[in-house]
Amino acid sequence: YSTLQAMVSAYCLAPLAALAIVGSALPLNLERARSVGFSVLADEDTSALEERWGEHLLALKSKDVNQLVSVYDQNLVVQLLDNDAVPNSLVLESPDEVRQLYASLFARMGNQSDIEVLKVDFDPLGLVFFTWRCRPVGIEAAVEHQFWNSAGKLYHRTLVVRCADVESHCSGFAELIPQGRSRTASRSPSAAVLAAQMNHGLAFGAQSVALISQDYGSSSRIRLYDLDSGSLEVHKGKRGSSAAFPKFWDAQPGLKSGGLISHAQQQYVLEDQGLVTLLVWSNPSDNFDFGTDMFLYTPGGSVLRQTIAASKPGGWLS
């Protein structure tokens, strides 16, 4: 592959690993968010979300499975991806499956280990960005996005797990899902989303700020997170994308010679034909040993939310 082909493949041409319909679509924008009952908080006021999530964190640290499951909406979706040699790409769609996930994690942890919170960031659209680790069971890092509605229910969650020993720790997640259950639906992303993915891949490969900024609007946010230093930057709007990507590219000069390796991709189509995409990648040429992206596309093809979380010994984001 050429550098450009590799970037396009990594960002927009890999096959859909998981397609499904979510019962309550993610918001298209701030105005639509209000109409579907999403938790929209004015002027960055996330106090209600923080309080609700704080209760969730206490249940997580106390390993209270019943309390954890109780906060999920009945129309829940949990997307799970890991960095296994053969990546596990799972989609949970019922409270029973979520219960199995927590029970499996806590059984590995036992009574001697705990979840270590690394970073939490609250978004006025009802989104919680949350990273944690549990080294005693081999989870070096976990990167989550939790979408909460105005009723205080968690209805869409993405979880990317980086395991230190992928063979003995990550493979167990695949056993949680009953074999043979269909995870696909006939719905496809909108034509605008597909066009935006293509543009993003081309712009990323060419490292064109002008081209890549076309995928973002005034309500967009990009999070850059350094898993080693703990630094987090939130870039807002179209101007934010123009600032975020040069930082990311400058940290990886090897991208120009095709250094990025795409390990896994999972895409979940929402009922309004928007899209949530998860990526797992690395760039050994620039000492990036782990990276993950989350994209939330509106049906109109705009990237409403994106997170780039990556690990490089010594850090990469200053």
C-alpha atoms as a PDB file:
ATOM      1  CA  TYR A   1       0.000   0.000   0.000  1.00  0.00           C
ATOM      2  CA  SER A   2       1.030   3.560  -0.551  1.00  0.00           C
ATOM      3  CA  THR A   3       0.851   5.929   2.395  1.00  0.00           C
ATOM      4  CA  LEU A   4      -2.386   7.422   1.065  1.00  0.00           C
ATOM      5  CA  GLN A   5      -3.957   4.004   0.444  1.00  0.00           C
ATOM      6  CA  ALA A   6      -3.022   2.862   3.941  1.00  0.00           C
ATOM      7  CA  MET A   7      -4.665   5.898   5.526  1.00  0.00           C
ATOM      8  CA  VAL A   8      -7.844   5.511   3.483  1.00  0.00           C
ATOM      9  CA  SER A   9      -7.994   1.821   4.385  1.00  0.00           C
ATOM     10  CA  ALA A  10      -7.492   2.529   8.080  1.00  0.00           C
ATOM     11  CA  TYR A  11     -10.050   5.304   8.297  1.00  0.00           C
ATOM     12  CA  CYS A  12     -12.817   4.569   5.849  1.00  0.00           C
ATOM     13  CA  LEU A  13     -12.581   1.448   3.699  1.00  0.00           C
ATOM     14  CA  ALA A  14     -12.316  -1.427   6.193  1.00  0.00           C
ATOM     15  CA  PRO A  15     -15.430  -3.669   6.207  1.00  0.00           C
ATOM     16  CA  LEU A  16     -18.135  -3.053   8.771  1.00  0.00           C
ATOM     17  CA  ALA A  17     -17.419  -5.297  11.743  1.00  0.00           C
ATOM     18  CA  ALA A  18     -20.718  -4.674  13.494  1.00  0.00           C
ATOM     19  CA  LEU A  19     -23.932  -3.089  12.237  1.00  0.00           C
ATOM     20  CA  ALA A  20     -26.995  -2.688  14.403  1.00  0.00           C
ATOM     21  CA  ILE A  21     -29.891  -0.397  15.214  1.00  0.00           C
ATOM     22  CA  VAL A  22     -29.851   1.567  18.442  1.00  0.00           C
ATOM     23  CA  GLY A  23     -33.230   2.183  20.031  1.00  0.00           C
ATOM     24  CA  SER A  24     -32.635   5.861  20.816  1.00  0.00           C
ATOM     25  CA  ALA A  25     -30.486   7.628  18.274  1.00  0.00           C
ATOM     26  CA  LEU A  26     -27.631   9.883  19.294  1.00  0.00           C
ATOM     27  CA  PRO A  27     -28.324  13.585  18.708  1.00  0.00           C
ATOM     28  CA  LEU A  28     -27.664  15.238  15.381  1.00  0.00           C
ATOM     29  CA  ASN A  29     -26.970  18.588  16.997  1.00  0.00           C
ATOM     30  CA  LEU A  30     -27.838  20.589  20.089  1.00  0.00           C
ATOM     31  CA  GLU A  31     -31.352  21.439  18.884  1.00  0.00           C
ATOM     32  CA  ARG A  32     -32.277  17.866  17.933  1.00  0.00           C
ATOM     33  CA  ALA A  33     -30.754  16.658  21.180  1.00  0.00           C
ATOM     34  CA  ARG A  34     -33.422  18.508  23.132  1.00  0.00           C
ATOM     35  CA  SER A  35     -36.209  17.008  21.029  1.00  0.00           C
ATOM     36  CA  VAL A  36     -35.134  13.413  21.698  1.00  0.00           C
ATOM     37  CA  GLY A  37     -34.671  13.938  25.425  1.00  0.00           C
ATOM     38  CA  PHE A  38     -30.893  13.826  25.409  1.00  0.00           C
ATOM     39  CA  SER A  39     -29.109  15.414  28.330  1.00  0.00           C
ATOM     40  CA  VAL A  40     -28.251  18.864  26.995  1.00  0.00           C
ATOM     41  CA  LEU A  41     -26.722  21.145  29.592  1.00  0.00           C
ATOM     42  CA  ALA A  42     -26.396  24.850  28.897  1.00  0.00           C
ATOM     43  CA  ASP A  43     -23.093  26.691  28.997  1.00  0.00           C
ATOM     44  CA  GLU A  44     -20.975  23.701  29.925  1.00  0.00           C
ATOM     45  CA  ASP A  45     -22.997  22.977  33.082  1.00  0.00           C
ATOM     46  CA  THR A  46     -22.504  19.245  33.592  1.00  0.00           C
ATOM     47  CA  SER A  47     -23.253  19.128  37.319  1.00  0.00           C
ATOM     48  CA  ALA A  48     -26.274  16.804  37.007  1.00  0.00           C
ATOM     49  CA  LEU A  49     -24.315  14.440  34.771  1.00  0.00           C
ATOM     50  CA  GLU A  50     -21.350  14.494  37.147  1.00  0.00           C
ATOM     51  CA  GLU A  51     -23.571  13.618  40.108  1.00  0.00           C
ATOM     52  CA  ARG A  52     -25.229  10.727  38.291  1.00  0.00           C
ATOM     53  CA  TRP A  53     -21.928   9.408  37.011  1.00  0.00           C
ATOM     54  CA  GLY A  54     -20.341   9.694  40.454  1.00  0.00           C
ATOM     55  CA  GLU A  55     -22.924   7.226  41.752  1.00  0.00           C
ATOM     56  CA  HIS A  56     -22.050   4.947  38.846  1.00  0.00           C
ATOM     57  CA  LEU A  57     -18.346   5.136  39.710  1.00  0.00           C
ATOM     58  CA  LEU A  58     -19.014   4.189  43.341  1.00  0.00           C
ATOM     59  CA  ALA A  59     -20.922   1.113  42.147  1.00  0.00           C
ATOM     60  CA  LEU A  60     -18.053   0.250  39.810  1.00  0.00           C
ATOM     61  CA  LYS A  61     -15.402   0.498  42.513  1.00  0.00           C
ATOM     62  CA  SER A  62     -17.530  -1.480  44.968  1.00  0.00           C
ATOM     63  CA  LYS A  63     -18.180  -4.120  42.274  1.00  0.00           C
ATOM     64  CA  ASP A  64     -21.952  -3.814  42.713  1.00  0.00           C
ATOM     65  CA  VAL A  65     -23.175  -5.577  39.571  1.00  0.00           C
ATOM     66  CA  ASN A  66     -26.878  -5.048  40.272  1.00  0.00           C
ATOM     67  CA  GLN A  67     -26.452  -1.309  40.723  1.00  0.00           C
ATOM     68  CA  LEU A  68     -24.273  -1.041  37.624  1.00  0.00           C
ATOM     69  CA  VAL A  69     -26.770  -2.870  35.423  1.00  0.00           C
ATOM     70  CA  SER A  70     -29.696  -0.858  36.800  1.00  0.00           C
ATOM     71  CA  VAL A  71     -28.482   2.389  35.214  1.00  0.00           C
ATOM     72  CA  TYR A  72     -28.570   1.001  31.662  1.00  0.00           C
ATOM     73  CA  ASP A  73     -31.484   1.790  29.393  1.00  0.00           C
ATOM     74  CA  GLN A  74     -33.430  -1.224  28.120  1.00  0.00           C
ATOM     75  CA  ASN A  75     -32.443  -0.251  24.559  1.00  0.00           C
ATOM     76  CA  LEU A  76     -28.777  -0.285  25.466  1.00  0.00           C
ATOM     77  CA  VAL A  77     -25.791  -0.738  23.188  1.00  0.00           C
ATOM     78  CA  VAL A  78     -22.254  -1.494  24.383  1.00  0.00           C
ATOM     79  CA  GLN A  79     -19.488  -1.626  21.782  1.00  0.00           C
ATOM     80  CA  LEU A  80     -16.369  -3.502  22.898  1.00  0.00           C
ATOM     81  CA  LEU A  81     -13.056  -3.733  21.049  1.00  0.00           C
ATOM     82  CA  ASP A  82      -9.603  -4.859  22.216  1.00  0.00           C
ATOM     83  CA  ASN A  83      -6.008  -5.126  21.046  1.00  0.00           C
ATOM     84  CA  ASP A  84      -5.839  -8.923  20.905  1.00  0.00           C
ATOM     85  CA  ALA A  85      -3.742 -10.531  18.172  1.00  0.00           C
ATOM     86  CA  VAL A  86      -7.136 -11.494  16.738  1.00  0.00           C
ATOM     87  CA  PRO A  87      -9.204  -8.556  18.010  1.00  0.00           C
ATOM     88  CA  ASN A  88     -12.500  -9.215  19.760  1.00  0.00           C
ATOM     89  CA  SER A  89     -15.233  -7.009  18.321  1.00  0.00           C
ATOM     90  CA  LEU A  90     -18.376  -7.374  20.416  1.00  0.00           C
ATOM     91  CA  VAL A  91     -21.725  -5.614  20.644  1.00  0.00           C
ATOM     92  CA  LEU A  92     -23.867  -6.111  23.750  1.00  0.00           C
ATOM     93  CA  GLU A  93     -27.562  -5.296  23.462  1.00  0.00           C
ATOM     94  CA  SER A  94     -29.221  -6.564  26.631  1.00  0.00           C
ATOM     95  CA  PRO A  95     -28.905  -6.051  30.403  1.00  0.00           C
ATOM     96  CA  ASP A  96     -28.088  -9.758  30.808  1.00  0.00           C
ATOM     97  CA  GLU A  97     -25.070  -9.426  28.528  1.00  0.00           C
ATOM     98  CA  VAL A  98     -23.879  -6.344  30.407  1.00  0.00           C
ATOM     99  CA  ARG A  99     -24.253  -8.292  33.649  1.00  0.00           C
ATOM    100  CA  GLN A 100     -22.040 -11.054  32.198  1.00  0.00           C
ATOM    101  CA  LEU A 101     -19.427  -8.479  31.191  1.00  0.00           C
ATOM    102  CA  TYR A 102     -19.189  -6.989  34.688  1.00  0.00           C
ATOM    103  CA  ALA A 103     -19.263 -10.413  36.361  1.00  0.00           C
ATOM    104  CA  SER A 104     -16.412 -11.628  34.154  1.00  0.00           C
ATOM    105  CA  LEU A 105     -14.310  -8.537  34.885  1.00  0.00           C
ATOM    106  CA  PHE A 106     -14.891  -8.653  38.640  1.00  0.00           C
ATOM    107  CA  ALA A 107     -14.207 -12.408  38.773  1.00  0.00           C
ATOM    108  CA  ARG A 108     -10.769 -11.728  37.269  1.00  0.00           C
ATOM    109  CA  MET A 109     -10.155  -8.882  39.695  1.00  0.00           C
ATOM    110  CA  GLY A 110     -11.095 -10.790  42.841  1.00  0.00           C
ATOM    111  CA  ASN A 111     -10.918  -8.959  46.168  1.00  0.00           C
ATOM    112  CA  GLN A 112      -7.325  -7.788  45.902  1.00  0.00           C
ATOM    113  CA  SER A 113      -7.466  -5.466  42.910  1.00  0.00           C
ATOM    114  CA  ASP A 114      -9.373  -2.343  41.998  1.00  0.00           C
ATOM    115  CA  ILE A 115     -10.047  -0.084  39.047  1.00  0.00           C
ATOM    116  CA  GLU A 116      -7.684   2.896  38.878  1.00  0.00           C
ATOM    117  CA  VAL A 117      -9.333   5.975  37.398  1.00  0.00           C
ATOM    118  CA  LEU A 118      -7.026   7.820  34.992  1.00  0.00           C
ATOM    119  CA  LYS A 119      -9.145  10.577  33.429  1.00  0.00           C
ATOM    120  CA  VAL A 120     -12.780  11.718  33.406  1.00  0.00           C
ATOM    121  CA  ASP A 121     -14.193  14.468  31.191  1.00  0.00           C
ATOM    122  CA  PHE A 122     -17.848  15.535  31.094  1.00  0.00           C
ATOM    123  CA  ASP A 123     -19.400  16.749  27.856  1.00  0.00           C
ATOM    124  CA  PRO A 124     -22.544  18.936  27.723  1.00  0.00           C
ATOM    125  CA  LEU A 125     -24.180  16.493  25.293  1.00  0.00           C
ATOM    126  CA  GLY A 126     -24.469  13.920  28.075  1.00  0.00           C
ATOM    127  CA  LEU A 127     -21.181  12.213  27.190  1.00  0.00           C
ATOM    128  CA  VAL A 128     -18.645  10.993  29.751  1.00  0.00           C
ATOM    129  CA  PHE A 129     -15.108  10.328  28.521  1.00  0.00           C
ATOM    130  CA  PHE A 130     -13.576   7.903  31.013  1.00  0.00           C
ATOM    131  CA  THR A 131     -10.216   6.099  31.075  1.00  0.00           C
ATOM    132  CA  TRP A 132      -9.087   3.554  33.640  1.00  0.00           C
ATOM    133  CA  ARG A 133      -6.825   0.558  34.166  1.00  0.00           C
ATOM    134  CA  CYS A 134      -6.560  -2.550  36.305  1.00  0.00           C
ATOM    135  CA  ARG A 135      -3.012  -3.841  35.988  1.00  0.00           C
ATOM    136  CA  PRO A 136      -3.377  -6.840  38.336  1.00  0.00           C
ATOM    137  CA  VAL A 137      -5.623  -8.476  35.729  1.00  0.00           C
ATOM    138  CA  GLY A 138      -3.618  -7.247  32.748  1.00  0.00           C
ATOM    139  CA  ILE A 139      -5.782  -4.304  31.660  1.00  0.00           C
ATOM    140  CA  GLU A 140      -3.192  -1.673  30.896  1.00  0.00           C
ATOM    141  CA  ALA A 141      -5.741   0.904  29.744  1.00  0.00           C
ATOM    142  CA  ALA A 142      -9.451   1.127  29.006  1.00  0.00           C
ATOM    143  CA  VAL A 143     -10.919   4.019  27.011  1.00  0.00           C
ATOM    144  CA  GLU A 144     -14.666   4.576  27.367  1.00  0.00           C
ATOM    145  CA  HIS A 145     -17.350   6.879  26.034  1.00  0.00           C
ATOM    146  CA  GLN A 146     -20.641   6.750  27.934  1.00  0.00           C
ATOM    147  CA  PHE A 147     -23.764   8.409  26.521  1.00  0.00           C
ATOM    148  CA  TRP A 148     -26.399   9.254  29.167  1.00  0.00           C
ATOM    149  CA  ASN A 149     -29.939  10.490  28.523  1.00  0.00           C
ATOM    150  CA  SER A 150     -31.944  13.035  30.489  1.00  0.00           C
ATOM    151  CA  ALA A 151     -33.617  10.240  32.471  1.00  0.00           C
ATOM    152  CA  GLY A 152     -30.229   9.349  33.956  1.00  0.00           C
ATOM    153  CA  LYS A 153     -29.870   6.153  31.919  1.00  0.00           C
ATOM    154  CA  LEU A 154     -26.762   4.960  30.116  1.00  0.00           C
ATOM    155  CA  TYR A 155     -27.847   3.854  26.651  1.00  0.00           C
ATOM    156  CA  HIS A 156     -24.734   3.793  24.471  1.00  0.00           C
ATOM    157  CA  ARG A 157     -21.240   2.931  25.626  1.00  0.00           C
ATOM    158  CA  THR A 158     -18.000   2.279  23.784  1.00  0.00           C
ATOM    159  CA  LEU A 159     -15.123   0.462  25.482  1.00  0.00           C
ATOM    160  CA  VAL A 160     -11.691  -0.157  23.987  1.00  0.00           C
ATOM    161  CA  VAL A 161      -9.431  -2.307  26.146  1.00  0.00           C
ATOM    162  CA  ARG A 162      -5.647  -2.451  25.927  1.00  0.00           C
ATOM    163  CA  CYS A 163      -4.415  -5.676  27.510  1.00  0.00           C
ATOM    164  CA  ALA A 164      -0.813  -6.215  28.517  1.00  0.00           C
ATOM    165  CA  ASP A 165      -1.141  -9.962  27.897  1.00  0.00           C
ATOM    166  CA  VAL A 166      -3.645 -10.214  25.074  1.00  0.00           C
ATOM    167  CA  GLU A 167      -3.728 -13.995  24.933  1.00  0.00           C
ATOM    168  CA  SER A 168      -4.698 -14.623  28.554  1.00  0.00           C
ATOM    169  CA  HIS A 169      -6.806 -11.560  29.353  1.00  0.00           C
ATOM    170  CA  CYS A 170      -8.620 -10.156  26.332  1.00  0.00           C
ATOM    171  CA  SER A 171      -9.713 -13.445  24.789  1.00  0.00           C
ATOM    172  CA  GLY A 172     -12.105 -14.101  27.666  1.00  0.00           C
ATOM    173  CA  PHE A 173     -14.416 -11.274  26.565  1.00  0.00           C
ATOM    174  CA  ALA A 174     -15.332 -13.159  23.387  1.00  0.00           C
ATOM    175  CA  GLU A 175     -16.909 -15.931  25.459  1.00  0.00           C
ATOM    176  CA  LEU A 176     -19.548 -13.566  26.842  1.00  0.00           C
ATOM    177  CA  ILE A 177     -21.597 -13.456  23.653  1.00  0.00           C
ATOM    178  CA  PRO A 178     -23.784 -16.441  22.662  1.00  0.00           C
ATOM    179  CA  GLN A 179     -22.436 -18.006  19.500  1.00  0.00           C
ATOM    180  CA  GLY A 180     -24.470 -17.530  16.354  1.00  0.00           C
ATOM    181  CA  ARG A 181     -26.465 -14.502  17.445  1.00  0.00           C
ATOM    182  CA  SER A 182     -26.835 -12.040  14.598  1.00  0.00           C
ATOM    183  CA  ARG A 183     -25.196  -8.671  15.138  1.00  0.00           C
ATOM    184  CA  THR A 184     -26.026  -7.162  11.785  1.00  0.00           C
ATOM    185  CA  ALA A 185     -28.889  -5.166  10.350  1.00  0.00           C
ATOM    186  CA  SER A 186     -29.863  -4.055   6.884  1.00  0.00           C
ATOM    187  CA  ARG A 187     -29.311  -0.405   7.735  1.00  0.00           C
ATOM    188  CA  SER A 188     -26.301   1.336   6.210  1.00  0.00           C
ATOM    189  CA  PRO A 189     -24.734   4.704   7.035  1.00  0.00           C
ATOM    190  CA  SER A 190     -26.096   7.655   5.105  1.00  0.00           C
ATOM    191  CA  ALA A 191     -24.424   8.603   1.836  1.00  0.00           C
ATOM    192  CA  ALA A 192     -23.184  11.776   3.541  1.00  0.00           C
ATOM    193  CA  VAL A 193     -21.439   9.713   6.254  1.00  0.00           C
ATOM    194  CA  LEU A 194     -19.769   7.488   3.674  1.00  0.00           C
ATOM    195  CA  ALA A 195     -18.594  10.544   1.735  1.00  0.00           C
ATOM    196  CA  ALA A 196     -17.271  12.128   4.939  1.00  0.00           C
ATOM    197  CA  GLN A 197     -15.348   8.950   5.806  1.00  0.00           C
ATOM    198  CA  MET A 198     -13.764   8.935   2.372  1.00  0.00           C
ATOM    199  CA  ASN A 199     -12.840  12.602   2.650  1.00  0.00           C
ATOM    200  CA  HIS A 200     -11.390  12.046   6.125  1.00  0.00           C
ATOM    201  CA  GLY A 201      -9.204   9.196   4.945  1.00  0.00           C
ATOM    202  CA  LEU A 202      -7.887  11.169   1.982  1.00  0.00           C
ATOM    203  CA  ALA A 203      -7.309  14.310   4.080  1.00  0.00           C
ATOM    204  CA  PHE A 204      -5.552  12.339   6.810  1.00  0.00           C
ATOM    205  CA  GLY A 205      -3.225  10.676   4.326  1.00  0.00           C
ATOM    206  CA  ALA A 206      -2.420  13.986   2.653  1.00  0.00           C
ATOM    207  CA  GLN A 207      -2.198  15.758   6.045  1.00  0.00           C
ATOM    208  CA  SER A 208      -4.383  18.518   4.655  1.00  0.00           C
ATOM    209  CA  VAL A 209      -5.849  20.784   7.336  1.00  0.00           C
ATOM    210  CA  ALA A 210      -8.123  22.509   4.825  1.00  0.00           C
ATOM    211  CA  LEU A 211      -9.564  19.224   3.595  1.00  0.00           C
ATOM    212  CA  ILE A 212      -9.974  17.506   6.955  1.00  0.00           C
ATOM    213  CA  SER A 213     -11.687  20.522   8.554  1.00  0.00           C
ATOM    214  CA  GLN A 214     -14.568  20.025   6.091  1.00  0.00           C
ATOM    215  CA  ASP A 215     -15.712  17.069   8.236  1.00  0.00           C
ATOM    216  CA  TYR A 216     -16.297  19.241  11.326  1.00  0.00           C
ATOM    217  CA  GLY A 217     -18.854  21.881  12.250  1.00  0.00           C
ATOM    218  CA  SER A 218     -19.389  24.503  14.929  1.00  0.00           C
ATOM    219  CA  SER A 219     -20.728  21.913  17.418  1.00  0.00           C
ATOM    220  CA  SER A 220     -17.883  19.435  16.863  1.00  0.00           C
ATOM    221  CA  ARG A 221     -15.365  18.487  19.532  1.00  0.00           C
ATOM    222  CA  ILE A 222     -12.095  16.592  19.221  1.00  0.00           C
ATOM    223  CA  ARG A 223     -10.386  15.149  22.284  1.00  0.00           C
ATOM    224  CA  LEU A 224      -6.662  14.410  22.195  1.00  0.00           C
ATOM    225  CA  TYR A 225      -5.583  12.227  25.098  1.00  0.00           C
ATOM    226  CA  ASP A 226      -2.058  11.093  25.988  1.00  0.00           C
ATOM    227  CA  LEU A 227      -2.335   7.779  27.831  1.00  0.00           C
ATOM    228  CA  ASP A 228       1.212   8.111  29.185  1.00  0.00           C
ATOM    229  CA  SER A 229       1.313  11.698  30.437  1.00  0.00           C
ATOM    230  CA  GLY A 230      -2.399  11.980  31.195  1.00  0.00           C
ATOM    231  CA  SER A 231      -2.678  15.200  29.184  1.00  0.00           C
ATOM    232  CA  LEU A 232      -6.097  15.917  27.664  1.00  0.00           C
ATOM    233  CA  GLU A 233      -6.977  18.636  25.172  1.00  0.00           C
ATOM    234  CA  VAL A 234     -10.494  19.422  23.927  1.00  0.00           C
ATOM    235  CA  HIS A 235     -10.664  21.267  20.608  1.00  0.00           C
ATOM    236  CA  LYS A 236     -14.000  22.824  19.667  1.00  0.00           C
ATOM    237  CA  GLY A 237     -15.551  23.547  16.289  1.00  0.00           C
ATOM    238  CA  LYS A 238     -14.049  23.699  12.836  1.00  0.00           C
ATOM    239  CA  ARG A 239     -11.166  25.827  14.105  1.00  0.00           C
ATOM    240  CA  GLY A 240     -10.490  23.194  16.727  1.00  0.00           C
ATOM    241  CA  SER A 241      -9.966  20.544  14.086  1.00  0.00           C
ATOM    242  CA  SER A 242      -7.472  22.841  12.361  1.00  0.00           C
ATOM    243  CA  ALA A 243      -5.472  22.968  15.604  1.00  0.00           C
ATOM    244  CA  ALA A 244      -5.825  19.339  16.707  1.00  0.00           C
ATOM    245  CA  PHE A 245      -4.647  17.444  13.666  1.00  0.00           C
ATOM    246  CA  PRO A 246      -1.336  19.291  13.120  1.00  0.00           C
ATOM    247  CA  LYS A 247      -0.433  18.402  16.718  1.00  0.00           C
ATOM    248  CA  PHE A 248      -1.214  14.765  16.075  1.00  0.00           C
ATOM    249  CA  TRP A 249       0.659  14.683  12.771  1.00  0.00           C
ATOM    250  CA  ASP A 250       3.707  16.522  14.138  1.00  0.00           C
ATOM    251  CA  ALA A 251       4.056  13.865  16.845  1.00  0.00           C
ATOM    252  CA  GLN A 252       4.274  11.157  14.165  1.00  0.00           C
ATOM    253  CA  PRO A 253       6.591  12.059  11.289  1.00  0.00           C
ATOM    254  CA  GLY A 254       6.585   8.388  10.282  1.00  0.00           C
ATOM    255  CA  LEU A 255       2.983   8.711   9.088  1.00  0.00           C
ATOM    256  CA  LYS A 256       4.290  10.162   5.843  1.00  0.00           C
ATOM    257  CA  SER A 257       6.050   6.887   5.077  1.00  0.00           C
ATOM    258  CA  GLY A 258       3.107   4.676   5.982  1.00  0.00           C
ATOM    259  CA  GLY A 259       3.925   4.055   9.652  1.00  0.00           C
ATOM    260  CA  LEU A 260       0.351   3.689  10.887  1.00  0.00           C
ATOM    261  CA  ILE A 261      -0.930   0.106  11.273  1.00  0.00           C
ATOM    262  CA  SER A 262      -4.667  -0.451  11.572  1.00  0.00           C
ATOM    263  CA  HIS A 263      -5.403  -3.423  13.866  1.00  0.00           C
ATOM    264  CA  ALA A 264      -9.188  -3.335  14.192  1.00  0.00           C
ATOM    265  CA  GLN A 265     -12.273  -1.350  13.284  1.00  0.00           C
ATOM    266  CA  GLN A 266     -15.863  -1.586  14.455  1.00  0.00           C
ATOM    267  CA  GLN A 267     -18.737   0.449  13.052  1.00  0.00           C
ATOM    268  CA  TYR A 268     -22.234   0.696  14.496  1.00  0.00           C
ATOM    269  CA  VAL A 269     -24.990   2.249  12.414  1.00  0.00           C
ATOM    270  CA  LEU A 270     -27.573   4.261  14.335  1.00  0.00           C
ATOM    271  CA  GLU A 271     -31.268   4.261  13.475  1.00  0.00           C
ATOM    272  CA  ASP A 272     -30.992   7.701  11.860  1.00  0.00           C
ATOM    273  CA  GLN A 273     -28.067   6.418   9.718  1.00  0.00           C
ATOM    274  CA  GLY A 274     -25.479   8.228  11.788  1.00  0.00           C
ATOM    275  CA  LEU A 275     -22.441   6.184  12.787  1.00  0.00           C
ATOM    276  CA  VAL A 276     -20.207   5.356  15.750  1.00  0.00           C
ATOM    277  CA  THR A 277     -16.768   4.066  14.684  1.00  0.00           C
ATOM    278  CA  LEU A 278     -14.016   2.604  16.863  1.00  0.00           C
ATOM    279  CA  LEU A 279     -10.432   2.087  15.696  1.00  0.00           C
ATOM    280  CA  VAL A 280      -7.403   0.377  17.242  1.00  0.00           C
ATOM    281  CA  TRP A 281      -4.023   1.191  15.700  1.00  0.00           C
ATOM    282  CA  SER A 282      -0.308   1.564  16.341  1.00  0.00           C
ATOM    283  CA  ASN A 283       2.662   3.348  14.751  1.00  0.00           C
ATOM    284  CA  PRO A 284       5.899   1.524  15.665  1.00  0.00           C
ATOM    285  CA  SER A 285       8.016   3.831  13.522  1.00  0.00           C
ATOM    286  CA  ASP A 286       7.198   6.719  15.884  1.00  0.00           C
ATOM    287  CA  ASN A 287       7.032   4.593  19.074  1.00  0.00           C
ATOM    288  CA  PHE A 288       3.240   4.778  19.333  1.00  0.00           C
ATOM    289  CA  ASP A 289       2.522   1.322  20.719  1.00  0.00           C
ATOM    290  CA  PHE A 290      -1.243   1.761  21.088  1.00  0.00           C
ATOM    291  CA  GLY A 291      -3.883   4.119  19.764  1.00  0.00           C
ATOM    292  CA  THR A 292      -7.652   4.221  19.549  1.00  0.00           C
ATOM    293  CA  ASP A 293     -10.137   6.586  17.918  1.00  0.00           C
ATOM    294  CA  MET A 294     -13.862   7.098  18.442  1.00  0.00           C
ATOM    295  CA  PHE A 295     -15.922   8.922  15.809  1.00  0.00           C
ATOM    296  CA  LEU A 296     -19.564   9.982  16.185  1.00  0.00           C
ATOM    297  CA  TYR A 297     -20.945  10.958  12.774  1.00  0.00           C
ATOM    298  CA  THR A 298     -24.277  12.711  12.323  1.00  0.00           C
ATOM    299  CA  PRO A 299     -26.444  11.535   9.396  1.00  0.00           C
ATOM    300  CA  GLY A 300     -25.426  14.738   7.616  1.00  0.00           C
ATOM    301  CA  GLY A 301     -21.801  13.590   7.570  1.00  0.00           C
ATOM    302  CA  SER A 302     -20.371  15.862  10.256  1.00  0.00           C
ATOM    303  CA  VAL A 303     -18.065  14.483  12.951  1.00  0.00           C
ATOM    304  CA  LEU A 304     -19.921  15.623  16.059  1.00  0.00           C
ATOM    305  CA  ARG A 305     -17.446  14.008  18.468  1.00  0.00           C
ATOM    306  CA  GLN A 306     -14.019  12.433  18.027  1.00  0.00           C
ATOM    307  CA  THR A 307     -11.448  11.158  20.483  1.00  0.00           C
ATOM    308  CA  ILE A 308      -7.848  10.229  19.719  1.00  0.00           C
ATOM    309  CA  ALA A 309      -6.249   8.425  22.665  1.00  0.00           C
ATOM    310  CA  ALA A 310      -2.734   7.117  22.201  1.00  0.00           C
ATOM    311  CA  SER A 311       0.290   5.825  24.088  1.00  0.00           C
ATOM    312  CA  LYS A 312       3.930   6.672  23.448  1.00  0.00           C
ATOM    313  CA  PRO A 313       6.591   6.030  26.101  1.00  0.00           C
ATOM    314  CA  GLY A 314       7.497   9.423  27.534  1.00  0.00           C
ATOM    315  CA  GLY A 315       4.289  11.021  26.244  1.00  0.00           C
ATOM    316  CA  TRP A 316       3.404  12.837  23.025  1.00  0.00           C
ATOM    317  CA  LEU A 317       0.996  15.636  23.985  1.00  0.00           C
ATOM    318  CA  SER A 318       2.458  18.659  25.745  1.00  0.00           C
END
